[in-house]
Every structure is written in structure tokens, then in C-alpha cells.
Amino acid sequence: MNCASTDTDQFLCATCTNRQSATESDCPARWFFLHFADKWTLPVLGLLNNGPLRFSQFRKSLTPISERMLILALKKLERFSLIEREESNTTAAQAAYRLTPEGRSLLEHMGDLYLWMRLHETDILAAMTADTESKQDRKNSSNRR
């Protein structure tokens, strides 16, 4: 992944020093959010911050996640080497999932993002509410015509 473009209508990619088009697929920041900013992937990763978990423990903690969505999230995190699956040597085949060093590193940085969101939460929610109300006002005024 590289950021080689230099057009003036582009933004500075958060992970590199070259200008990057918001539509380029090789931007590392865009790639990350495309793959990990879904409903379940980061919560699954976050649960492992306190230690290894078995599949059933995820299901209990992430209600109402479906079995299929949990499997997809775990496989994705495993494929990107953020977690690892460890098989138990007991008679019943049980597996536990744990963070890899890369996964732990990611969680540390996600903690910084979480703190930023908490710090600006009130302003962000106010802006979202104002935008929603503005759109509703425009819709109502166009309906009156």
C-alpha cells in the first residue's frame, strides 16, 4: 500500500506523508476502515483485551450477534494476524482465541481513537442532530410548495 498521488483536491492520508485520493484503494487508512469499521469486528477484537475467549463466551458477550457473523469476524481477524486460534488438547475439541502482538498494538491505538471520540462526543452529536434537523426542515419546506 502506498500513497503516490499528488492532486490538489486530495487529502493527507493519516498514515503517510504523500497526498492520497479519497477513492484510491491502496490508501492504508481507507483500507483499514473498509475492512474493520463494521458492526462486529472491533467489538470482537476488544473483548480479547482481557484475555483469551472461547466461541461461546463471545456469543454471550456480544448478544445479539449471529453465529455466522461471529465466525466471519473471527476469521477476518485471524486472516489479518490480529488474533490466533489455539486448540485445546482436551477430549472435547475447544478452541480459544487470543490477541497477537499486532492485535494488541491495534487495540492500543484504537484506545486513542476512543478517547478522542469521547472528548468530542457532545460536539459530534450536536452537529449530527443539527444536520438531521436541517434536512428535515428542507424536506418539510419542499413538501409545502
N, C-alpha and C. Protein backbone atom coordinates (compact mmCIF):
# COMPACT_ATOMS: atom_id res chain seq x y z
N MET A 1 0.84 -1.17 0.00
CA MET A 1 0.00 0.00 0.00
C MET A 1 0.89 1.23 0.00
N ASN A 2 0.63 2.11 -0.95
CA ASN A 2 1.38 3.35 -0.96
C ASN A 2 0.48 4.51 -1.30
N CYS A 3 0.95 5.69 -1.01
CA CYS A 3 0.20 6.90 -1.30
C CYS A 3 1.05 7.74 -2.24
N ALA A 4 0.85 7.58 -3.55
CA ALA A 4 1.74 8.21 -4.51
C ALA A 4 1.11 9.39 -5.23
N SER A 5 -0.17 9.59 -5.12
CA SER A 5 -0.84 10.64 -5.86
C SER A 5 -0.60 12.01 -5.24
N THR A 6 -0.62 13.08 -6.07
CA THR A 6 -0.34 14.43 -5.56
C THR A 6 -1.33 15.48 -6.05
N ASP A 7 -2.52 15.11 -6.50
CA ASP A 7 -3.51 16.09 -6.97
C ASP A 7 -3.91 17.02 -5.83
N THR A 8 -4.32 18.24 -6.19
CA THR A 8 -4.64 19.24 -5.16
C THR A 8 -5.98 19.01 -4.49
N ASP A 9 -6.86 18.24 -5.09
CA ASP A 9 -8.18 18.01 -4.50
C ASP A 9 -8.20 16.78 -3.60
N GLN A 10 -7.07 16.45 -3.03
CA GLN A 10 -6.95 15.24 -2.22
C GLN A 10 -6.60 15.59 -0.78
N PHE A 11 -6.69 14.65 0.07
CA PHE A 11 -6.41 14.87 1.48
C PHE A 11 -5.13 14.16 1.89
N LEU A 12 -4.59 14.57 3.00
CA LEU A 12 -3.38 13.92 3.50
C LEU A 12 -3.77 12.63 4.20
N CYS A 13 -3.27 11.54 3.69
CA CYS A 13 -3.55 10.24 4.28
C CYS A 13 -2.98 10.22 5.69
N ALA A 14 -3.75 9.73 6.64
CA ALA A 14 -3.34 9.77 8.05
C ALA A 14 -2.12 8.91 8.35
N THR A 15 -1.79 7.99 7.49
CA THR A 15 -0.69 7.06 7.79
C THR A 15 0.55 7.27 6.94
N CYS A 16 0.54 8.27 6.09
CA CYS A 16 1.73 8.52 5.28
C CYS A 16 1.84 10.01 4.96
N THR A 17 2.90 10.41 4.33
CA THR A 17 3.15 11.84 4.13
C THR A 17 2.80 12.34 2.74
N ASN A 18 2.47 11.47 1.82
CA ASN A 18 2.08 11.90 0.47
C ASN A 18 0.59 12.13 0.41
N ARG A 19 0.16 12.98 -0.51
CA ARG A 19 -1.28 13.21 -0.69
C ARG A 19 -1.91 11.97 -1.31
N GLN A 20 -3.14 11.71 -0.90
CA GLN A 20 -3.81 10.47 -1.30
C GLN A 20 -5.24 10.75 -1.70
N SER A 21 -5.67 10.24 -2.80
CA SER A 21 -7.05 10.40 -3.22
C SER A 21 -7.96 9.61 -2.30
N ALA A 22 -9.10 10.19 -1.97
CA ALA A 22 -10.05 9.51 -1.10
C ALA A 22 -10.64 8.27 -1.74
N THR A 23 -10.49 8.14 -3.05
CA THR A 23 -11.05 6.98 -3.73
C THR A 23 -10.02 5.92 -4.05
N GLU A 24 -8.76 6.16 -3.77
CA GLU A 24 -7.74 5.15 -4.09
C GLU A 24 -7.79 4.00 -3.10
N SER A 25 -7.78 2.79 -3.63
CA SER A 25 -7.93 1.62 -2.77
C SER A 25 -6.64 1.26 -2.04
N ASP A 26 -5.50 1.85 -2.42
CA ASP A 26 -4.25 1.47 -1.74
C ASP A 26 -3.92 2.40 -0.57
N CYS A 27 -4.81 3.29 -0.20
CA CYS A 27 -4.60 4.13 0.98
C CYS A 27 -4.77 3.26 2.23
N PRO A 28 -3.75 3.17 3.09
CA PRO A 28 -3.85 2.30 4.27
C PRO A 28 -5.01 2.65 5.20
N ALA A 29 -5.27 3.94 5.39
CA ALA A 29 -6.37 4.32 6.29
C ALA A 29 -7.71 3.89 5.70
N ARG A 30 -7.90 4.14 4.42
CA ARG A 30 -9.14 3.74 3.75
C ARG A 30 -9.30 2.22 3.80
N TRP A 31 -8.22 1.50 3.54
CA TRP A 31 -8.24 0.06 3.58
C TRP A 31 -8.66 -0.44 4.97
N PHE A 32 -8.07 0.14 6.01
CA PHE A 32 -8.39 -0.28 7.38
C PHE A 32 -9.88 -0.11 7.66
N PHE A 33 -10.41 1.09 7.42
CA PHE A 33 -11.81 1.33 7.74
C PHE A 33 -12.76 0.50 6.89
N LEU A 34 -12.38 0.23 5.66
CA LEU A 34 -13.18 -0.63 4.79
C LEU A 34 -13.31 -2.03 5.38
N HIS A 35 -12.21 -2.55 5.94
CA HIS A 35 -12.20 -3.93 6.45
C HIS A 35 -12.61 -4.07 7.92
N PHE A 36 -12.43 -3.04 8.71
CA PHE A 36 -12.63 -3.22 10.15
C PHE A 36 -13.72 -2.36 10.78
N ALA A 37 -14.22 -1.37 10.07
CA ALA A 37 -15.23 -0.49 10.67
C ALA A 37 -16.63 -1.02 10.38
N ASP A 38 -16.89 -2.22 10.83
CA ASP A 38 -18.23 -2.79 10.69
C ASP A 38 -18.81 -2.99 12.09
N LYS A 39 -19.94 -3.61 12.15
CA LYS A 39 -20.66 -3.71 13.43
C LYS A 39 -19.96 -4.61 14.45
N TRP A 40 -19.26 -5.66 14.00
CA TRP A 40 -18.79 -6.66 14.95
C TRP A 40 -17.28 -6.83 15.05
N THR A 41 -16.52 -6.49 14.05
CA THR A 41 -15.09 -6.82 14.05
C THR A 41 -14.33 -6.18 15.21
N LEU A 42 -14.47 -4.89 15.40
CA LEU A 42 -13.74 -4.24 16.50
C LEU A 42 -14.26 -4.65 17.88
N PRO A 43 -15.58 -4.80 18.07
CA PRO A 43 -16.03 -5.33 19.37
C PRO A 43 -15.48 -6.71 19.69
N VAL A 44 -15.39 -7.59 18.69
CA VAL A 44 -14.80 -8.92 18.90
C VAL A 44 -13.35 -8.77 19.32
N LEU A 45 -12.62 -7.93 18.63
CA LEU A 45 -11.22 -7.69 18.96
C LEU A 45 -11.09 -7.11 20.37
N GLY A 46 -11.93 -6.16 20.70
CA GLY A 46 -11.88 -5.51 22.01
C GLY A 46 -12.13 -6.46 23.17
N LEU A 47 -13.00 -7.45 22.97
CA LEU A 47 -13.27 -8.41 24.04
C LEU A 47 -12.03 -9.21 24.42
N LEU A 48 -11.13 -9.37 23.48
CA LEU A 48 -9.92 -10.16 23.75
C LEU A 48 -8.87 -9.38 24.53
N ASN A 49 -9.12 -8.11 24.77
CA ASN A 49 -8.17 -7.29 25.52
C ASN A 49 -7.96 -7.82 26.94
N ASN A 50 -8.96 -8.50 27.49
CA ASN A 50 -8.87 -9.03 28.85
C ASN A 50 -8.41 -10.48 28.91
N GLY A 51 -8.05 -11.04 27.76
CA GLY A 51 -7.57 -12.41 27.75
C GLY A 51 -8.31 -13.27 26.75
N PRO A 52 -7.86 -14.51 26.58
CA PRO A 52 -8.45 -15.42 25.59
C PRO A 52 -9.92 -15.72 25.89
N LEU A 53 -10.68 -15.96 24.82
CA LEU A 53 -12.09 -16.33 24.94
C LEU A 53 -12.42 -17.47 24.01
N ARG A 54 -13.39 -18.28 24.42
CA ARG A 54 -13.92 -19.32 23.56
C ARG A 54 -15.11 -18.77 22.78
N PHE A 55 -15.51 -19.46 21.74
CA PHE A 55 -16.60 -19.04 20.87
C PHE A 55 -17.86 -18.73 21.67
N SER A 56 -18.23 -19.63 22.57
CA SER A 56 -19.46 -19.44 23.35
C SER A 56 -19.39 -18.20 24.24
N GLN A 57 -18.21 -17.85 24.71
CA GLN A 57 -18.06 -16.64 25.52
C GLN A 57 -18.29 -15.38 24.69
N PHE A 58 -17.83 -15.40 23.44
CA PHE A 58 -18.12 -14.29 22.54
C PHE A 58 -19.62 -14.15 22.34
N ARG A 59 -20.28 -15.28 22.08
CA ARG A 59 -21.73 -15.25 21.81
C ARG A 59 -22.49 -14.64 22.98
N LYS A 60 -22.10 -14.99 24.20
CA LYS A 60 -22.79 -14.44 25.37
C LYS A 60 -22.52 -12.95 25.54
N SER A 61 -21.31 -12.53 25.26
CA SER A 61 -20.91 -11.13 25.46
C SER A 61 -21.41 -10.20 24.37
N LEU A 62 -21.64 -10.74 23.17
CA LEU A 62 -21.99 -9.89 22.03
C LEU A 62 -23.42 -10.10 21.55
N THR A 63 -24.30 -10.44 22.45
CA THR A 63 -25.70 -10.61 22.07
C THR A 63 -26.17 -9.31 21.44
N PRO A 64 -26.74 -9.33 20.28
CA PRO A 64 -27.38 -10.40 19.53
C PRO A 64 -26.60 -10.86 18.31
N ILE A 65 -25.31 -10.98 18.36
CA ILE A 65 -24.54 -11.41 17.20
C ILE A 65 -24.95 -12.82 16.79
N SER A 66 -25.08 -13.02 15.48
CA SER A 66 -25.41 -14.36 14.99
C SER A 66 -24.14 -15.20 14.93
N GLU A 67 -24.32 -16.49 14.90
CA GLU A 67 -23.17 -17.39 14.81
C GLU A 67 -22.37 -17.11 13.53
N ARG A 68 -23.08 -16.89 12.44
CA ARG A 68 -22.42 -16.62 11.16
C ARG A 68 -21.56 -15.34 11.23
N MET A 69 -22.10 -14.27 11.78
CA MET A 69 -21.36 -13.01 11.83
C MET A 69 -20.15 -13.12 12.76
N LEU A 70 -20.28 -13.87 13.84
CA LEU A 70 -19.15 -14.08 14.74
C LEU A 70 -18.05 -14.88 14.03
N ILE A 71 -18.44 -15.92 13.32
CA ILE A 71 -17.46 -16.72 12.58
C ILE A 71 -16.74 -15.85 11.56
N LEU A 72 -17.48 -15.02 10.82
CA LEU A 72 -16.85 -14.14 9.82
C LEU A 72 -15.88 -13.15 10.47
N ALA A 73 -16.27 -12.56 11.59
CA ALA A 73 -15.39 -11.61 12.27
C ALA A 73 -14.12 -12.30 12.78
N LEU A 74 -14.28 -13.47 13.37
CA LEU A 74 -13.12 -14.20 13.89
C LEU A 74 -12.18 -14.61 12.75
N LYS A 75 -12.74 -15.10 11.64
CA LYS A 75 -11.90 -15.50 10.51
C LYS A 75 -11.17 -14.30 9.92
N LYS A 76 -11.85 -13.16 9.83
CA LYS A 76 -11.21 -11.96 9.30
C LYS A 76 -10.04 -11.54 10.18
N LEU A 77 -10.27 -11.50 11.48
CA LEU A 77 -9.21 -11.10 12.42
C LEU A 77 -8.05 -12.09 12.41
N GLU A 78 -8.37 -13.35 12.25
CA GLU A 78 -7.33 -14.39 12.17
C GLU A 78 -6.54 -14.25 10.86
N ARG A 79 -7.25 -13.99 9.76
CA ARG A 79 -6.60 -13.86 8.45
C ARG A 79 -5.62 -12.68 8.43
N PHE A 80 -5.93 -11.61 9.15
CA PHE A 80 -5.05 -10.46 9.20
C PHE A 80 -4.07 -10.51 10.37
N SER A 81 -3.94 -11.67 10.99
CA SER A 81 -2.98 -11.93 12.08
C SER A 81 -3.17 -11.00 13.28
N LEU A 82 -4.42 -10.64 13.57
CA LEU A 82 -4.70 -9.82 14.75
C LEU A 82 -5.11 -10.69 15.93
N ILE A 83 -5.61 -11.88 15.63
CA ILE A 83 -5.91 -12.86 16.68
C ILE A 83 -5.38 -14.21 16.22
N GLU A 84 -5.27 -15.13 17.16
CA GLU A 84 -4.90 -16.50 16.80
C GLU A 84 -5.82 -17.45 17.53
N ARG A 85 -6.08 -18.56 16.88
CA ARG A 85 -6.93 -19.60 17.45
C ARG A 85 -6.03 -20.67 18.02
N GLU A 86 -6.30 -21.04 19.26
CA GLU A 86 -5.49 -22.05 19.94
C GLU A 86 -6.40 -23.22 20.30
N GLU A 87 -6.09 -24.38 19.73
CA GLU A 87 -6.86 -25.59 20.00
C GLU A 87 -6.48 -26.16 21.37
N SER A 88 -7.47 -26.64 22.07
CA SER A 88 -7.24 -27.26 23.37
C SER A 88 -6.91 -28.74 23.18
N ASN A 89 -6.10 -29.29 24.07
CA ASN A 89 -5.74 -30.71 24.00
C ASN A 89 -6.67 -31.59 24.81
N THR A 90 -7.81 -31.06 25.21
CA THR A 90 -8.77 -31.85 25.98
C THR A 90 -9.54 -32.77 25.04
N THR A 91 -10.33 -33.66 25.63
CA THR A 91 -11.10 -34.61 24.81
C THR A 91 -12.13 -33.90 23.95
N ALA A 92 -12.80 -32.92 24.50
CA ALA A 92 -13.74 -32.14 23.70
C ALA A 92 -12.96 -31.06 22.97
N ALA A 93 -13.13 -31.00 21.66
CA ALA A 93 -12.38 -30.01 20.87
C ALA A 93 -12.89 -28.61 21.20
N GLN A 94 -12.08 -27.88 21.93
CA GLN A 94 -12.41 -26.49 22.26
C GLN A 94 -11.28 -25.60 21.80
N ALA A 95 -11.64 -24.48 21.24
CA ALA A 95 -10.63 -23.53 20.79
C ALA A 95 -10.82 -22.22 21.55
N ALA A 96 -9.73 -21.57 21.81
CA ALA A 96 -9.77 -20.24 22.42
C ALA A 96 -9.08 -19.29 21.45
N TYR A 97 -9.55 -18.07 21.45
CA TYR A 97 -8.97 -17.03 20.60
C TYR A 97 -8.24 -16.04 21.49
N ARG A 98 -7.07 -15.60 21.02
CA ARG A 98 -6.28 -14.63 21.78
C ARG A 98 -5.69 -13.61 20.83
N LEU A 99 -5.35 -12.45 21.38
CA LEU A 99 -4.71 -11.40 20.59
C LEU A 99 -3.29 -11.79 20.22
N THR A 100 -2.88 -11.40 19.04
CA THR A 100 -1.48 -11.48 18.65
C THR A 100 -0.82 -10.16 19.06
N PRO A 101 0.49 -10.05 19.01
CA PRO A 101 1.12 -8.75 19.30
C PRO A 101 0.58 -7.63 18.39
N GLU A 102 0.29 -7.95 17.12
CA GLU A 102 -0.27 -6.96 16.21
C GLU A 102 -1.66 -6.53 16.65
N GLY A 103 -2.46 -7.47 17.10
CA GLY A 103 -3.80 -7.17 17.60
C GLY A 103 -3.76 -6.30 18.84
N ARG A 104 -2.84 -6.61 19.75
CA ARG A 104 -2.70 -5.80 20.96
C ARG A 104 -2.27 -4.37 20.60
N SER A 105 -1.35 -4.25 19.65
CA SER A 105 -0.89 -2.94 19.19
C SER A 105 -2.05 -2.13 18.60
N LEU A 106 -2.87 -2.80 17.77
CA LEU A 106 -4.02 -2.13 17.19
C LEU A 106 -4.97 -1.63 18.27
N LEU A 107 -5.23 -2.45 19.27
CA LEU A 107 -6.13 -2.04 20.35
C LEU A 107 -5.60 -0.83 21.11
N GLU A 108 -4.30 -0.74 21.28
CA GLU A 108 -3.73 0.42 21.94
C GLU A 108 -4.05 1.69 21.15
N HIS A 109 -3.91 1.62 19.84
CA HIS A 109 -4.21 2.79 19.00
C HIS A 109 -5.71 3.05 18.94
N MET A 110 -6.52 2.01 18.93
CA MET A 110 -7.97 2.20 18.94
C MET A 110 -8.40 2.86 20.24
N GLY A 111 -7.68 2.60 21.31
CA GLY A 111 -7.96 3.27 22.58
C GLY A 111 -7.79 4.78 22.46
N ASP A 112 -6.77 5.21 21.71
CA ASP A 112 -6.57 6.64 21.47
C ASP A 112 -7.74 7.22 20.68
N LEU A 113 -8.20 6.49 19.67
CA LEU A 113 -9.34 6.95 18.87
C LEU A 113 -10.59 7.01 19.74
N TYR A 114 -10.79 6.04 20.61
CA TYR A 114 -11.93 6.04 21.51
C TYR A 114 -11.89 7.27 22.43
N LEU A 115 -10.72 7.56 22.98
CA LEU A 115 -10.60 8.74 23.84
C LEU A 115 -10.91 10.02 23.08
N TRP A 116 -10.45 10.12 21.83
CA TRP A 116 -10.76 11.29 21.02
C TRP A 116 -12.27 11.41 20.82
N MET A 117 -12.93 10.29 20.52
CA MET A 117 -14.37 10.31 20.30
C MET A 117 -15.11 10.74 21.56
N ARG A 118 -14.69 10.23 22.71
CA ARG A 118 -15.32 10.61 23.97
C ARG A 118 -15.12 12.10 24.26
N LEU A 119 -13.95 12.61 23.96
CA LEU A 119 -13.64 14.02 24.18
C LEU A 119 -14.52 14.93 23.33
N HIS A 120 -14.83 14.51 22.11
CA HIS A 120 -15.60 15.33 21.17
C HIS A 120 -17.04 14.85 20.98
N GLU A 121 -17.47 13.91 21.80
CA GLU A 121 -18.78 13.28 21.63
C GLU A 121 -19.92 14.29 21.61
N THR A 122 -19.93 15.23 22.53
CA THR A 122 -21.02 16.20 22.62
C THR A 122 -21.11 17.05 21.36
N ASP A 123 -19.97 17.53 20.88
CA ASP A 123 -19.95 18.34 19.67
C ASP A 123 -20.38 17.54 18.44
N ILE A 124 -19.91 16.31 18.35
CA ILE A 124 -20.26 15.47 17.21
C ILE A 124 -21.75 15.17 17.20
N LEU A 125 -22.31 14.81 18.36
CA LEU A 125 -23.74 14.51 18.43
C LEU A 125 -24.57 15.75 18.14
N ALA A 126 -24.14 16.91 18.61
CA ALA A 126 -24.85 18.15 18.33
C ALA A 126 -24.85 18.46 16.84
N ALA A 127 -23.71 18.27 16.20
CA ALA A 127 -23.62 18.51 14.75
C ALA A 127 -24.50 17.53 13.98
N MET A 128 -24.52 16.28 14.41
CA MET A 128 -25.36 15.28 13.75
C MET A 128 -26.84 15.62 13.91
N THR A 129 -27.23 16.06 15.10
CA THR A 129 -28.62 16.44 15.35
C THR A 129 -29.01 17.64 14.52
N ALA A 130 -28.13 18.66 14.47
CA ALA A 130 -28.40 19.85 13.68
C ALA A 130 -28.53 19.51 12.20
N ASP A 131 -27.69 18.63 11.70
CA ASP A 131 -27.74 18.22 10.30
C ASP A 131 -29.05 17.50 10.01
N THR A 132 -29.45 16.60 10.89
CA THR A 132 -30.71 15.86 10.71
C THR A 132 -31.90 16.81 10.72
N GLU A 133 -31.90 17.77 11.66
CA GLU A 133 -33.00 18.74 11.74
C GLU A 133 -33.02 19.63 10.50
N SER A 134 -31.86 20.03 10.02
CA SER A 134 -31.78 20.86 8.82
C SER A 134 -32.34 20.12 7.61
N LYS A 135 -32.00 18.86 7.46
CA LYS A 135 -32.51 18.06 6.35
C LYS A 135 -34.03 17.91 6.45
N GLN A 136 -34.52 17.71 7.67
CA GLN A 136 -35.96 17.56 7.87
C GLN A 136 -36.68 18.88 7.55
N ASP A 137 -36.09 20.01 7.96
CA ASP A 137 -36.68 21.31 7.66
C ASP A 137 -36.76 21.55 6.16
N ARG A 138 -35.69 21.21 5.42
CA ARG A 138 -35.67 21.36 3.97
C ARG A 138 -36.74 20.47 3.32
N LYS A 139 -36.87 19.26 3.84
CA LYS A 139 -37.86 18.33 3.30
C LYS A 139 -39.27 18.87 3.54
N ASN A 140 -39.51 19.37 4.75
CA ASN A 140 -40.84 19.91 5.08
C ASN A 140 -41.17 21.14 4.23
N SER A 141 -40.19 22.02 4.02
CA SER A 141 -40.45 23.22 3.22
C SER A 141 -40.69 22.87 1.75
N SER A 142 -40.02 21.85 1.23
CA SER A 142 -40.25 21.46 -0.16
C SER A 142 -41.60 20.77 -0.31
N ASN A 143 -42.10 20.13 0.73
CA ASN A 143 -43.40 19.47 0.68
C ASN A 143 -44.54 20.50 0.69
N ARG A 144 -44.29 21.69 1.26
CA ARG A 144 -45.33 22.73 1.35
C ARG A 144 -45.53 23.43 0.02
N ARG A 145 -44.60 23.32 -0.88
CA ARG A 145 -44.70 24.05 -2.16
C ARG A 145 -45.65 23.42 -3.08
